mmCIF file of all heavy atoms, coordinates in Angstrom:
data_MODEL
# 
_entry.id   MODEL 
# 
loop_
_atom_site.group_PDB 
_atom_site.id 
_atom_site.type_symbol 
_atom_site.label_atom_id 
_atom_site.label_alt_id 
_atom_site.label_comp_id 
_atom_site.label_asym_id 
_atom_site.label_entity_id 
_atom_site.label_seq_id 
_atom_site.pdbx_PDB_ins_code 
_atom_site.Cartn_x 
_atom_site.Cartn_y 
_atom_site.Cartn_z 
_atom_site.occupancy 
_atom_site.B_iso_or_equiv 
_atom_site.pdbx_formal_charge 
_atom_site.auth_seq_id 
_atom_site.auth_comp_id 
_atom_site.auth_asym_id 
_atom_site.auth_atom_id 
_atom_site.pdbx_PDB_model_num 
ATOM 1   N N   . THR A 1 1  ? 18.433 9.733   4.747   1.00 0.00 ? 1  THR A N   1 
ATOM 2   C CA  . THR A 1 1  ? 18.627 8.414   5.267   1.00 0.00 ? 1  THR A CA  1 
ATOM 3   C C   . THR A 1 1  ? 17.441 7.946   6.105   1.00 0.00 ? 1  THR A C   1 
ATOM 4   O O   . THR A 1 1  ? 17.378 6.757   6.496   1.00 0.00 ? 1  THR A O   1 
ATOM 5   C CB  . THR A 1 1  ? 19.916 8.348   6.168   1.00 0.00 ? 1  THR A CB  1 
ATOM 6   O OG1 . THR A 1 1  ? 19.766 9.320   7.202   1.00 0.00 ? 1  THR A OG1 1 
ATOM 7   C CG2 . THR A 1 1  ? 21.142 8.653   5.352   1.00 0.00 ? 1  THR A CG2 1 
ATOM 8   N N   . ALA A 1 2  ? 16.486 8.811   6.360   1.00 0.00 ? 2  ALA A N   1 
ATOM 9   C CA  . ALA A 1 2  ? 15.301 8.453   7.175   1.00 0.00 ? 2  ALA A CA  1 
ATOM 10  C C   . ALA A 1 2  ? 14.293 7.656   6.348   1.00 0.00 ? 2  ALA A C   1 
ATOM 11  O O   . ALA A 1 2  ? 13.370 7.085   6.912   1.00 0.00 ? 2  ALA A O   1 
ATOM 12  C CB  . ALA A 1 2  ? 14.671 9.701   7.684   1.00 0.00 ? 2  ALA A CB  1 
ATOM 13  N N   . VAL A 1 3  ? 14.469 7.635   5.019   1.00 0.00 ? 3  VAL A N   1 
ATOM 14  C CA  . VAL A 1 3  ? 13.498 6.919   4.170   1.00 0.00 ? 3  VAL A CA  1 
ATOM 15  C C   . VAL A 1 3  ? 14.212 6.060   3.188   1.00 0.00 ? 3  VAL A C   1 
ATOM 16  O O   . VAL A 1 3  ? 15.469 6.190   2.928   1.00 0.00 ? 3  VAL A O   1 
ATOM 17  C CB  . VAL A 1 3  ? 12.611 7.931   3.391   1.00 0.00 ? 3  VAL A CB  1 
ATOM 18  C CG1 . VAL A 1 3  ? 11.752 8.705   4.354   1.00 0.00 ? 3  VAL A CG1 1 
ATOM 19  C CG2 . VAL A 1 3  ? 13.453 8.850   2.500   1.00 0.00 ? 3  VAL A CG2 1 
ATOM 20  N N   . GLN A 1 4  ? 13.474 5.140   2.608   1.00 0.00 ? 4  GLN A N   1 
ATOM 21  C CA  . GLN A 1 4  ? 14.024 4.280   1.540   1.00 0.00 ? 4  GLN A CA  1 
ATOM 22  C C   . GLN A 1 4  ? 13.246 4.509   0.246   1.00 0.00 ? 4  GLN A C   1 
ATOM 23  O O   . GLN A 1 4  ? 12.012 4.559   0.276   1.00 0.00 ? 4  GLN A O   1 
ATOM 24  C CB  . GLN A 1 4  ? 13.891 2.792   1.998   1.00 0.00 ? 4  GLN A CB  1 
ATOM 25  C CG  . GLN A 1 4  ? 14.400 1.810   0.970   1.00 0.00 ? 4  GLN A CG  1 
ATOM 26  C CD  . GLN A 1 4  ? 14.148 0.330   1.408   1.00 0.00 ? 4  GLN A CD  1 
ATOM 27  O OE1 . GLN A 1 4  ? 13.628 0.098   2.486   1.00 0.00 ? 4  GLN A OE1 1 
ATOM 28  N NE2 . GLN A 1 4  ? 14.461 -0.589  0.521   1.00 0.00 ? 4  GLN A NE2 1 
ATOM 29  N N   . LEU A 1 5  ? 13.985 4.636   -0.808  1.00 0.00 ? 5  LEU A N   1 
ATOM 30  C CA  . LEU A 1 5  ? 13.346 4.884   -2.121  1.00 0.00 ? 5  LEU A CA  1 
ATOM 31  C C   . LEU A 1 5  ? 12.747 3.570   -2.629  1.00 0.00 ? 5  LEU A C   1 
ATOM 32  O O   . LEU A 1 5  ? 13.450 2.593   -2.755  1.00 0.00 ? 5  LEU A O   1 
ATOM 33  C CB  . LEU A 1 5  ? 14.360 5.421   -3.108  1.00 0.00 ? 5  LEU A CB  1 
ATOM 34  C CG  . LEU A 1 5  ? 13.785 5.990   -4.413  1.00 0.00 ? 5  LEU A CG  1 
ATOM 35  C CD1 . LEU A 1 5  ? 12.942 7.258   -4.156  1.00 0.00 ? 5  LEU A CD1 1 
ATOM 36  C CD2 . LEU A 1 5  ? 14.916 6.334   -5.419  1.00 0.00 ? 5  LEU A CD2 1 
ATOM 37  N N   . LEU A 1 6  ? 11.475 3.613   -2.921  1.00 0.00 ? 6  LEU A N   1 
ATOM 38  C CA  . LEU A 1 6  ? 10.801 2.431   -3.484  1.00 0.00 ? 6  LEU A CA  1 
ATOM 39  C C   . LEU A 1 6  ? 10.770 2.520   -5.010  1.00 0.00 ? 6  LEU A C   1 
ATOM 40  O O   . LEU A 1 6  ? 9.945  3.261   -5.589  1.00 0.00 ? 6  LEU A O   1 
ATOM 41  C CB  . LEU A 1 6  ? 9.329  2.383   -2.929  1.00 0.00 ? 6  LEU A CB  1 
ATOM 42  C CG  . LEU A 1 6  ? 8.471  1.215   -3.329  1.00 0.00 ? 6  LEU A CG  1 
ATOM 43  C CD1 . LEU A 1 6  ? 9.098  -0.152  -2.940  1.00 0.00 ? 6  LEU A CD1 1 
ATOM 44  C CD2 . LEU A 1 6  ? 7.075  1.281   -2.761  1.00 0.00 ? 6  LEU A CD2 1 
ATOM 45  N N   . GLU A 1 7  ? 11.689 1.869   -5.610  1.00 0.00 ? 7  GLU A N   1 
ATOM 46  C CA  . GLU A 1 7  ? 11.833 1.928   -7.076  1.00 0.00 ? 7  GLU A CA  1 
ATOM 47  C C   . GLU A 1 7  ? 10.892 0.902   -7.771  1.00 0.00 ? 7  GLU A C   1 
ATOM 48  O O   . GLU A 1 7  ? 10.405 1.174   -8.844  1.00 0.00 ? 7  GLU A O   1 
ATOM 49  C CB  . GLU A 1 7  ? 13.229 1.669   -7.476  1.00 0.00 ? 7  GLU A CB  1 
ATOM 50  C CG  . GLU A 1 7  ? 14.250 2.705   -6.908  1.00 0.00 ? 7  GLU A CG  1 
ATOM 51  C CD  . GLU A 1 7  ? 15.685 2.457   -7.338  1.00 0.00 ? 7  GLU A CD  1 
ATOM 52  O OE1 . GLU A 1 7  ? 16.075 2.909   -8.375  1.00 0.00 ? 7  GLU A OE1 1 
ATOM 53  O OE2 . GLU A 1 7  ? 16.403 1.790   -6.560  1.00 0.00 ? 7  GLU A OE2 1 
ATOM 54  N N   . ASN A 1 8  ? 10.659 -0.207  -7.175  1.00 0.00 ? 8  ASN A N   1 
ATOM 55  C CA  . ASN A 1 8  ? 9.797  -1.207  -7.762  1.00 0.00 ? 8  ASN A CA  1 
ATOM 56  C C   . ASN A 1 8  ? 8.382  -1.083  -7.208  1.00 0.00 ? 8  ASN A C   1 
ATOM 57  O O   . ASN A 1 8  ? 7.832  -2.013  -6.601  1.00 0.00 ? 8  ASN A O   1 
ATOM 58  C CB  . ASN A 1 8  ? 10.343 -2.632  -7.509  1.00 0.00 ? 8  ASN A CB  1 
ATOM 59  C CG  . ASN A 1 8  ? 9.662  -3.675  -8.408  1.00 0.00 ? 8  ASN A CG  1 
ATOM 60  O OD1 . ASN A 1 8  ? 9.135  -3.342  -9.468  1.00 0.00 ? 8  ASN A OD1 1 
ATOM 61  N ND2 . ASN A 1 8  ? 9.685  -4.920  -7.994  1.00 0.00 ? 8  ASN A ND2 1 
ATOM 62  N N   . TYR A 1 9  ? 7.805  0.123   -7.344  1.00 0.00 ? 9  TYR A N   1 
ATOM 63  C CA  . TYR A 1 9  ? 6.459  0.381   -6.859  1.00 0.00 ? 9  TYR A CA  1 
ATOM 64  C C   . TYR A 1 9  ? 5.428  -0.343  -7.695  1.00 0.00 ? 9  TYR A C   1 
ATOM 65  O O   . TYR A 1 9  ? 5.679  -0.818  -8.804  1.00 0.00 ? 9  TYR A O   1 
ATOM 66  C CB  . TYR A 1 9  ? 6.231  1.887   -6.919  1.00 0.00 ? 9  TYR A CB  1 
ATOM 67  C CG  . TYR A 1 9  ? 6.414  2.502   -8.270  1.00 0.00 ? 9  TYR A CG  1 
ATOM 68  C CD1 . TYR A 1 9  ? 5.380  2.496   -9.206  1.00 0.00 ? 9  TYR A CD1 1 
ATOM 69  C CD2 . TYR A 1 9  ? 7.650  3.032   -8.669  1.00 0.00 ? 9  TYR A CD2 1 
ATOM 70  C CE1 . TYR A 1 9  ? 5.553  3.052   -10.467 1.00 0.00 ? 9  TYR A CE1 1 
ATOM 71  C CE2 . TYR A 1 9  ? 7.866  3.577   -9.961  1.00 0.00 ? 9  TYR A CE2 1 
ATOM 72  C CZ  . TYR A 1 9  ? 6.817  3.590   -10.813 1.00 0.00 ? 9  TYR A CZ  1 
ATOM 73  O OH  . TYR A 1 9  ? 6.986  4.081   -12.084 1.00 0.00 ? 9  TYR A OH  1 
ATOM 74  N N   . GLU A 1 10 ? 4.203  -0.424  -7.200  1.00 0.00 ? 10 GLU A N   1 
ATOM 75  C CA  . GLU A 1 10 ? 3.098  -1.034  -7.890  1.00 0.00 ? 10 GLU A CA  1 
ATOM 76  C C   . GLU A 1 10 ? 2.176  -0.016  -8.477  1.00 0.00 ? 10 GLU A C   1 
ATOM 77  O O   . GLU A 1 10 ? 1.944  1.054   -7.897  1.00 0.00 ? 10 GLU A O   1 
ATOM 78  C CB  . GLU A 1 10 ? 2.316  -1.952  -6.958  1.00 0.00 ? 10 GLU A CB  1 
ATOM 79  C CG  . GLU A 1 10 ? 3.037  -3.225  -6.604  1.00 0.00 ? 10 GLU A CG  1 
ATOM 80  C CD  . GLU A 1 10 ? 2.143  -4.266  -6.031  1.00 0.00 ? 10 GLU A CD  1 
ATOM 81  O OE1 . GLU A 1 10 ? 0.968  -3.995  -5.745  1.00 0.00 ? 10 GLU A OE1 1 
ATOM 82  O OE2 . GLU A 1 10 ? 2.592  -5.418  -5.829  1.00 0.00 ? 10 GLU A OE2 1 
ATOM 83  N N   . SER A 1 11 ? 1.672  -0.281  -9.714  1.00 0.00 ? 11 SER A N   1 
ATOM 84  C CA  . SER A 1 11 ? 0.711  0.587   -10.343 1.00 0.00 ? 11 SER A CA  1 
ATOM 85  C C   . SER A 1 11 ? -0.043 -0.262  -11.374 1.00 0.00 ? 11 SER A C   1 
ATOM 86  O O   . SER A 1 11 ? 0.308  -1.392  -11.670 1.00 0.00 ? 11 SER A O   1 
ATOM 87  C CB  . SER A 1 11 ? 1.517  1.694   -11.076 1.00 0.00 ? 11 SER A CB  1 
ATOM 88  O OG  . SER A 1 11 ? 0.598  2.521   -11.779 1.00 0.00 ? 11 SER A OG  1 
ATOM 89  N N   . ARG A 1 12 ? -1.103 0.307   -11.902 1.00 0.00 ? 12 ARG A N   1 
ATOM 90  C CA  . ARG A 1 12 ? -1.733 -0.267  -13.077 1.00 0.00 ? 12 ARG A CA  1 
ATOM 91  C C   . ARG A 1 12 ? -1.027 0.323   -14.267 1.00 0.00 ? 12 ARG A C   1 
ATOM 92  O O   . ARG A 1 12 ? -0.534 1.478   -14.252 1.00 0.00 ? 12 ARG A O   1 
ATOM 93  C CB  . ARG A 1 12 ? -3.212 0.039   -13.098 1.00 0.00 ? 12 ARG A CB  1 
ATOM 94  C CG  . ARG A 1 12 ? -3.990 -0.738  -11.969 1.00 0.00 ? 12 ARG A CG  1 
ATOM 95  C CD  . ARG A 1 12 ? -5.466 -0.411  -12.082 1.00 0.00 ? 12 ARG A CD  1 
ATOM 96  N NE  . ARG A 1 12 ? -6.192 -1.199  -11.065 1.00 0.00 ? 12 ARG A NE  1 
ATOM 97  C CZ  . ARG A 1 12 ? -7.483 -1.118  -10.829 1.00 0.00 ? 12 ARG A CZ  1 
ATOM 98  N NH1 . ARG A 1 12 ? -8.216 -0.267  -11.536 1.00 0.00 ? 12 ARG A NH1 1 
ATOM 99  N NH2 . ARG A 1 12 ? -8.049 -1.916  -9.918  1.00 0.00 ? 12 ARG A NH2 1 
ATOM 100 N N   . PHE A 1 13 ? -1.049 -0.395  -15.395 1.00 0.00 ? 13 PHE A N   1 
ATOM 101 C CA  . PHE A 1 13 ? -0.375 0.066   -16.612 1.00 0.00 ? 13 PHE A CA  1 
ATOM 102 C C   . PHE A 1 13 ? -1.281 -0.231  -17.836 1.00 0.00 ? 13 PHE A C   1 
ATOM 103 O O   . PHE A 1 13 ? -2.111 -1.115  -17.802 1.00 0.00 ? 13 PHE A O   1 
ATOM 104 C CB  . PHE A 1 13 ? 0.935  -0.651  -16.794 1.00 0.00 ? 13 PHE A CB  1 
ATOM 105 C CG  . PHE A 1 13 ? 1.999  -0.309  -15.787 1.00 0.00 ? 13 PHE A CG  1 
ATOM 106 C CD1 . PHE A 1 13 ? 2.094  -1.010  -14.565 1.00 0.00 ? 13 PHE A CD1 1 
ATOM 107 C CD2 . PHE A 1 13 ? 2.900  0.750   -15.997 1.00 0.00 ? 13 PHE A CD2 1 
ATOM 108 C CE1 . PHE A 1 13 ? 3.076  -0.680  -13.634 1.00 0.00 ? 13 PHE A CE1 1 
ATOM 109 C CE2 . PHE A 1 13 ? 3.846  1.064   -15.057 1.00 0.00 ? 13 PHE A CE2 1 
ATOM 110 C CZ  . PHE A 1 13 ? 3.901  0.358   -13.865 1.00 0.00 ? 13 PHE A CZ  1 
ATOM 111 N N   . CYS A 1 14 ? -1.058 0.576   -18.846 1.00 0.00 ? 14 CYS A N   1 
ATOM 112 C CA  . CYS A 1 14 ? -1.689 0.434   -20.148 1.00 0.00 ? 14 CYS A CA  1 
ATOM 113 C C   . CYS A 1 14 ? -0.675 0.352   -21.240 1.00 0.00 ? 14 CYS A C   1 
ATOM 114 O O   . CYS A 1 14 ? 0.128  1.304   -21.404 1.00 0.00 ? 14 CYS A O   1 
ATOM 115 C CB  . CYS A 1 14 ? -2.701 1.571   -20.413 1.00 0.00 ? 14 CYS A CB  1 
ATOM 116 S SG  . CYS A 1 14 ? -3.594 1.387   -21.959 1.00 0.00 ? 14 CYS A SG  1 
ATOM 117 N N   . ALA A 1 15 ? -0.595 -0.783  -21.900 1.00 0.00 ? 15 ALA A N   1 
ATOM 118 C CA  . ALA A 1 15 ? 0.438  -0.982  -22.935 1.00 0.00 ? 15 ALA A CA  1 
ATOM 119 C C   . ALA A 1 15 ? -0.262 -1.185  -24.293 1.00 0.00 ? 15 ALA A C   1 
ATOM 120 O O   . ALA A 1 15 ? -1.247 -1.851  -24.379 1.00 0.00 ? 15 ALA A O   1 
ATOM 121 C CB  . ALA A 1 15 ? 1.283  -2.209  -22.626 1.00 0.00 ? 15 ALA A CB  1 
ATOM 122 N N   . ARG A 1 16 ? 0.363  -0.599  -25.347 1.00 0.00 ? 16 ARG A N   1 
ATOM 123 C CA  . ARG A 1 16 ? -0.183 -0.749  -26.682 1.00 0.00 ? 16 ARG A CA  1 
ATOM 124 C C   . ARG A 1 16 ? 0.805  -1.461  -27.540 1.00 0.00 ? 16 ARG A C   1 
ATOM 125 O O   . ARG A 1 16 ? 2.010  -1.055  -27.606 1.00 0.00 ? 16 ARG A O   1 
ATOM 126 C CB  . ARG A 1 16 ? -0.535 0.607   -27.308 1.00 0.00 ? 16 ARG A CB  1 
ATOM 127 C CG  . ARG A 1 16 ? -1.355 0.492   -28.566 1.00 0.00 ? 16 ARG A CG  1 
ATOM 128 C CD  . ARG A 1 16 ? -1.773 1.789   -29.194 1.00 0.00 ? 16 ARG A CD  1 
ATOM 129 N NE  . ARG A 1 16 ? -0.615 2.441   -29.802 1.00 0.00 ? 16 ARG A NE  1 
ATOM 130 C CZ  . ARG A 1 16 ? -0.058 3.546   -29.392 1.00 0.00 ? 16 ARG A CZ  1 
ATOM 131 N NH1 . ARG A 1 16 ? -0.503 4.139   -28.323 1.00 0.00 ? 16 ARG A NH1 1 
ATOM 132 N NH2 . ARG A 1 16 ? 0.960  4.092   -30.077 1.00 0.00 ? 16 ARG A NH2 1 
ATOM 133 N N   . LEU A 1 17 ? 0.413  -2.560  -28.155 1.00 0.00 ? 17 LEU A N   1 
ATOM 134 C CA  . LEU A 1 17 ? 1.329  -3.347  -28.959 1.00 0.00 ? 17 LEU A CA  1 
ATOM 135 C C   . LEU A 1 17 ? 0.841  -3.375  -30.446 1.00 0.00 ? 17 LEU A C   1 
ATOM 136 O O   . LEU A 1 17 ? -0.342 -3.391  -30.724 1.00 0.00 ? 17 LEU A O   1 
ATOM 137 C CB  . LEU A 1 17 ? 1.349  -4.802  -28.459 1.00 0.00 ? 17 LEU A CB  1 
ATOM 138 C CG  . LEU A 1 17 ? 1.500  -5.074  -26.972 1.00 0.00 ? 17 LEU A CG  1 
ATOM 139 C CD1 . LEU A 1 17 ? 1.460  -6.583  -26.713 1.00 0.00 ? 17 LEU A CD1 1 
ATOM 140 C CD2 . LEU A 1 17 ? 2.782  -4.459  -26.461 1.00 0.00 ? 17 LEU A CD2 1 
ATOM 141 N N   . LEU A 1 18 ? 1.837  -3.384  -31.323 1.00 0.00 ? 18 LEU A N   1 
ATOM 142 C CA  . LEU A 1 18 ? 1.612  -3.654  -32.741 1.00 0.00 ? 18 LEU A CA  1 
ATOM 143 C C   . LEU A 1 18 ? 2.003  -5.131  -32.980 1.00 0.00 ? 18 LEU A C   1 
ATOM 144 O O   . LEU A 1 18 ? 3.162  -5.502  -32.746 1.00 0.00 ? 18 LEU A O   1 
ATOM 145 C CB  . LEU A 1 18 ? 2.385  -2.739  -33.623 1.00 0.00 ? 18 LEU A CB  1 
ATOM 146 C CG  . LEU A 1 18 ? 2.184  -2.906  -35.167 1.00 0.00 ? 18 LEU A CG  1 
ATOM 147 C CD1 . LEU A 1 18 ? 0.776  -2.558  -35.564 1.00 0.00 ? 18 LEU A CD1 1 
ATOM 148 C CD2 . LEU A 1 18 ? 3.164  -2.046  -35.933 1.00 0.00 ? 18 LEU A CD2 1 
ATOM 149 N N   . VAL A 1 19 ? 1.029  -5.935  -33.362 1.00 0.00 ? 19 VAL A N   1 
ATOM 150 C CA  . VAL A 1 19 ? 1.274  -7.420  -33.453 1.00 0.00 ? 19 VAL A CA  1 
ATOM 151 C C   . VAL A 1 19 ? 0.814  -7.945  -34.782 1.00 0.00 ? 19 VAL A C   1 
ATOM 152 O O   . VAL A 1 19 ? 0.079  -7.311  -35.549 1.00 0.00 ? 19 VAL A O   1 
ATOM 153 C CB  . VAL A 1 19 ? 0.523  -8.105  -32.300 1.00 0.00 ? 19 VAL A CB  1 
ATOM 154 C CG1 . VAL A 1 19 ? 0.987  -7.605  -30.966 1.00 0.00 ? 19 VAL A CG1 1 
ATOM 155 C CG2 . VAL A 1 19 ? -1.000 -8.004  -32.476 1.00 0.00 ? 19 VAL A CG2 1 
ATOM 156 N N   . GLU A 1 20 ? 1.264  -9.171  -35.087 1.00 0.00 ? 20 GLU A N   1 
ATOM 157 C CA  . GLU A 1 20 ? 0.795  -9.887  -36.248 1.00 0.00 ? 20 GLU A CA  1 
ATOM 158 C C   . GLU A 1 20 ? -0.725 -10.207 -36.029 1.00 0.00 ? 20 GLU A C   1 
ATOM 159 O O   . GLU A 1 20 ? -1.125 -10.629 -34.933 1.00 0.00 ? 20 GLU A O   1 
ATOM 160 C CB  . GLU A 1 20 ? 1.593  -11.155 -36.380 1.00 0.00 ? 20 GLU A CB  1 
ATOM 161 C CG  . GLU A 1 20 ? 1.205  -12.049 -37.586 1.00 0.00 ? 20 GLU A CG  1 
ATOM 162 C CD  . GLU A 1 20 ? 1.966  -13.293 -37.640 1.00 0.00 ? 20 GLU A CD  1 
ATOM 163 O OE1 . GLU A 1 20 ? 2.823  -13.535 -36.755 1.00 0.00 ? 20 GLU A OE1 1 
ATOM 164 O OE2 . GLU A 1 20 ? 1.700  -14.132 -38.547 1.00 0.00 ? 20 GLU A OE2 1 
ATOM 165 N N   . ASP A 1 21 ? -1.536 -10.031 -37.047 1.00 0.00 ? 21 ASP A N   1 
ATOM 166 C CA  . ASP A 1 21 ? -2.911 -10.337 -36.976 1.00 0.00 ? 21 ASP A CA  1 
ATOM 167 C C   . ASP A 1 21 ? -3.124 -11.846 -37.287 1.00 0.00 ? 21 ASP A C   1 
ATOM 168 O O   . ASP A 1 21 ? -3.446 -12.201 -38.418 1.00 0.00 ? 21 ASP A O   1 
ATOM 169 C CB  . ASP A 1 21 ? -3.687 -9.436  -37.942 1.00 0.00 ? 21 ASP A CB  1 
ATOM 170 C CG  . ASP A 1 21 ? -5.211 -9.502  -37.734 1.00 0.00 ? 21 ASP A CG  1 
ATOM 171 O OD1 . ASP A 1 21 ? -5.633 -10.160 -36.744 1.00 0.00 ? 21 ASP A OD1 1 
ATOM 172 O OD2 . ASP A 1 21 ? -5.933 -8.912  -38.552 1.00 0.00 ? 21 ASP A OD2 1 
ATOM 173 N N   . ALA A 1 22 ? -2.938 -12.640 -36.256 1.00 0.00 ? 22 ALA A N   1 
ATOM 174 C CA  . ALA A 1 22 ? -2.977 -14.075 -36.411 1.00 0.00 ? 22 ALA A CA  1 
ATOM 175 C C   . ALA A 1 22 ? -3.477 -14.729 -35.114 1.00 0.00 ? 22 ALA A C   1 
ATOM 176 O O   . ALA A 1 22 ? -3.331 -14.179 -34.020 1.00 0.00 ? 22 ALA A O   1 
ATOM 177 C CB  . ALA A 1 22 ? -1.589 -14.610 -36.776 1.00 0.00 ? 22 ALA A CB  1 
ATOM 178 N N   . PRO A 1 23 ? -4.002 -15.977 -35.240 1.00 0.00 ? 23 PRO A N   1 
ATOM 179 C CA  . PRO A 1 23 ? -4.460 -16.665 -34.005 1.00 0.00 ? 23 PRO A CA  1 
ATOM 180 C C   . PRO A 1 23 ? -3.266 -16.950 -33.041 1.00 0.00 ? 23 PRO A C   1 
ATOM 181 O O   . PRO A 1 23 ? -2.145 -17.168 -33.540 1.00 0.00 ? 23 PRO A O   1 
ATOM 182 C CB  . PRO A 1 23 ? -5.045 -17.989 -34.551 1.00 0.00 ? 23 PRO A CB  1 
ATOM 183 C CG  . PRO A 1 23 ? -5.355 -17.667 -36.023 1.00 0.00 ? 23 PRO A CG  1 
ATOM 184 C CD  . PRO A 1 23 ? -4.341 -16.685 -36.457 1.00 0.00 ? 23 PRO A CD  1 
ATOM 185 N N   . GLY A 1 24 ? -3.507 -16.908 -31.764 1.00 0.00 ? 24 GLY A N   1 
ATOM 186 C CA  . GLY A 1 24 ? -2.510 -17.308 -30.777 1.00 0.00 ? 24 GLY A CA  1 
ATOM 187 C C   . GLY A 1 24 ? -1.632 -16.168 -30.284 1.00 0.00 ? 24 GLY A C   1 
ATOM 188 O O   . GLY A 1 24 ? -0.851 -16.368 -29.344 1.00 0.00 ? 24 GLY A O   1 
ATOM 189 N N   . VAL A 1 25 ? -1.768 -14.987 -30.877 1.00 0.00 ? 25 VAL A N   1 
ATOM 190 C CA  . VAL A 1 25 ? -0.925 -13.888 -30.479 1.00 0.00 ? 25 VAL A CA  1 
ATOM 191 C C   . VAL A 1 25 ? -1.222 -13.436 -29.063 1.00 0.00 ? 25 VAL A C   1 
ATOM 192 O O   . VAL A 1 25 ? -0.343 -13.291 -28.202 1.00 0.00 ? 25 VAL A O   1 
ATOM 193 C CB  . VAL A 1 25 ? -1.042 -12.697 -31.446 1.00 0.00 ? 25 VAL A CB  1 
ATOM 194 C CG1 . VAL A 1 25 ? -0.343 -11.477 -30.915 1.00 0.00 ? 25 VAL A CG1 1 
ATOM 195 C CG2 . VAL A 1 25 ? -0.540 -13.045 -32.837 1.00 0.00 ? 25 VAL A CG2 1 
# 
């Protein structure tokens, strides 16, 4: 009870997407 769990912490992230090969994506 002396601390609070920080679930929505901040970090950098790396995401990989498979997308349609088209303009505007």
